[in-house]
Protein backbone atom coordinates (compact mmCIF):
# COMPACT_ATOMS: atom_id res chain seq x y z
CA ASP A 1 1.82 -12.52 -20.52
CA PHE A 2 -1.04 -10.29 -19.37
CA TYR A 3 -0.62 -10.83 -15.63
CA LEU A 4 3.11 -10.07 -15.78
CA ARG A 5 2.40 -6.84 -17.69
CA MET A 6 -0.13 -5.84 -15.02
CA LEU A 7 2.37 -6.57 -12.24
CA LYS A 8 4.94 -4.33 -13.93
CA LYS A 9 2.32 -1.59 -14.38
CA PHE A 10 1.61 -1.85 -10.65
CA LEU A 11 5.17 -0.69 -10.01
CA ASP A 12 4.50 2.46 -12.07
CA ASP A 13 1.36 3.34 -10.11
CA LYS A 14 1.79 6.51 -8.01
CA ASN A 15 -0.69 5.64 -5.24
CA TYR A 16 1.91 3.81 -3.16
CA GLU A 17 4.21 6.86 -3.12
CA GLY A 18 1.20 9.05 -2.36
CA LEU A 19 0.33 6.82 0.58
CA LYS A 20 3.84 7.04 2.00
CA SER A 21 3.82 10.84 1.72
CA ALA A 22 0.35 11.22 3.18
CA VAL A 23 1.20 9.05 6.19
CA GLU A 24 4.51 10.86 6.73
CA GLU A 25 2.71 14.22 6.63
CA LYS A 26 -0.25 12.95 8.69
CA ARG A 27 -2.73 13.83 5.96
CA TRP A 28 -5.15 11.14 7.08
CA ALA A 29 -7.95 11.75 4.55
CA ASP A 30 -5.43 11.51 1.70
CA ALA A 31 -3.82 8.49 3.34
CA PHE A 32 -7.19 6.76 3.39
CA THR A 33 -7.78 7.44 -0.32
CA TYR A 34 -4.32 6.17 -1.27
CA ALA A 35 -4.51 3.16 1.05
CA HIS A 36 -7.91 2.18 -0.28
CA THR A 37 -6.64 2.38 -3.86
CA VAL A 38 -3.49 0.39 -3.09
CA LYS A 39 -5.64 -2.18 -1.30
CA GLY A 40 -7.80 -2.58 -4.39
CA LEU A 41 -4.81 -2.89 -6.71
CA CYS A 42 -3.14 -5.48 -4.49
CA GLY A 43 -6.38 -7.41 -4.12
CA ASN A 44 -6.94 -7.49 -7.88
CA LEU A 45 -3.38 -8.65 -8.52
CA GLY A 46 -3.28 -11.17 -5.68
CA LEU A 47 -0.43 -9.40 -3.87
CA ASP A 48 -1.38 -10.82 -0.50
CA GLY A 49 1.89 -9.91 1.22
CA ILE A 50 1.23 -6.19 0.80
CA LEU A 51 -2.50 -6.63 1.34
CA GLU A 52 -1.86 -8.15 4.76
CA TYR A 53 -0.70 -4.73 6.00
CA VAL A 54 -2.62 -2.35 3.73
CA VAL A 55 -6.02 -3.69 4.83
CA PRO A 56 -5.53 -2.81 8.53
CA LEU A 57 -3.74 0.40 7.54
CA THR A 58 -6.80 1.41 5.50
CA ASP A 59 -9.01 0.70 8.51
CA GLU A 60 -6.77 2.75 10.83
CA VAL A 61 -6.85 5.87 8.61
CA ARG A 62 -10.56 5.56 7.78
CA THR A 63 -11.86 7.51 10.79
CA GLU A 64 -10.74 9.30 13.92
CA PRO A 65 -9.26 8.78 16.41
CA TYR A 66 -6.08 7.94 14.51
CA ASP A 67 -3.70 5.58 16.27
CA GLU A 68 -0.43 6.92 14.91
CA GLU A 69 1.60 4.11 16.46
CA LYS A 70 -0.48 1.44 14.72
CA ILE A 71 -0.48 3.42 11.48
CA ALA A 72 3.33 3.70 11.58
CA GLY A 73 3.67 -0.02 12.26
CA TYR A 74 1.39 -1.07 9.42
CA MET A 75 3.08 1.40 7.08
CA LYS A 76 6.54 0.09 7.98
CA ASP A 77 5.44 -3.48 7.22
CA ALA A 78 3.65 -2.43 4.03
CA VAL A 79 6.80 -0.65 2.82
CA ARG A 80 8.91 -3.74 3.55
CA MET A 81 6.49 -6.02 1.69
CA TYR A 82 6.17 -3.58 -1.21
CA GLU A 83 9.95 -3.49 -1.61
CA GLU A 84 10.20 -7.30 -1.45
CA THR A 85 7.36 -7.64 -3.96
CA ARG A 86 8.93 -5.02 -6.24
CA ASP A 87 12.22 -6.91 -6.24
CA VAL A 88 10.47 -10.16 -7.19
CA ILE A 89 8.47 -8.49 -9.97
CA LEU A 90 11.59 -6.85 -11.38
CA SER A 91 13.36 -10.22 -11.43
CA LEU A 92 10.66 -11.76 -13.64
């Protein structure tokens, strides 16, 4: 069905990987762009588990000063939820 196809397309989207790289490399402007895009995708698809961490992550990388400890924490949780969500989508 349409929703399932969109969920599988979500896994092919490169913004999540871009977000991980940008945060790792402390490229905060890029991290904001990626986080904002991932937030929109998750919101549109109802992926609330990921959204729970991407929303505050987006806020943290929006403007200076950057709290790297908070950013790392939100990113860690977002990665965990993304991986759990990916596994569920792939099992469908």
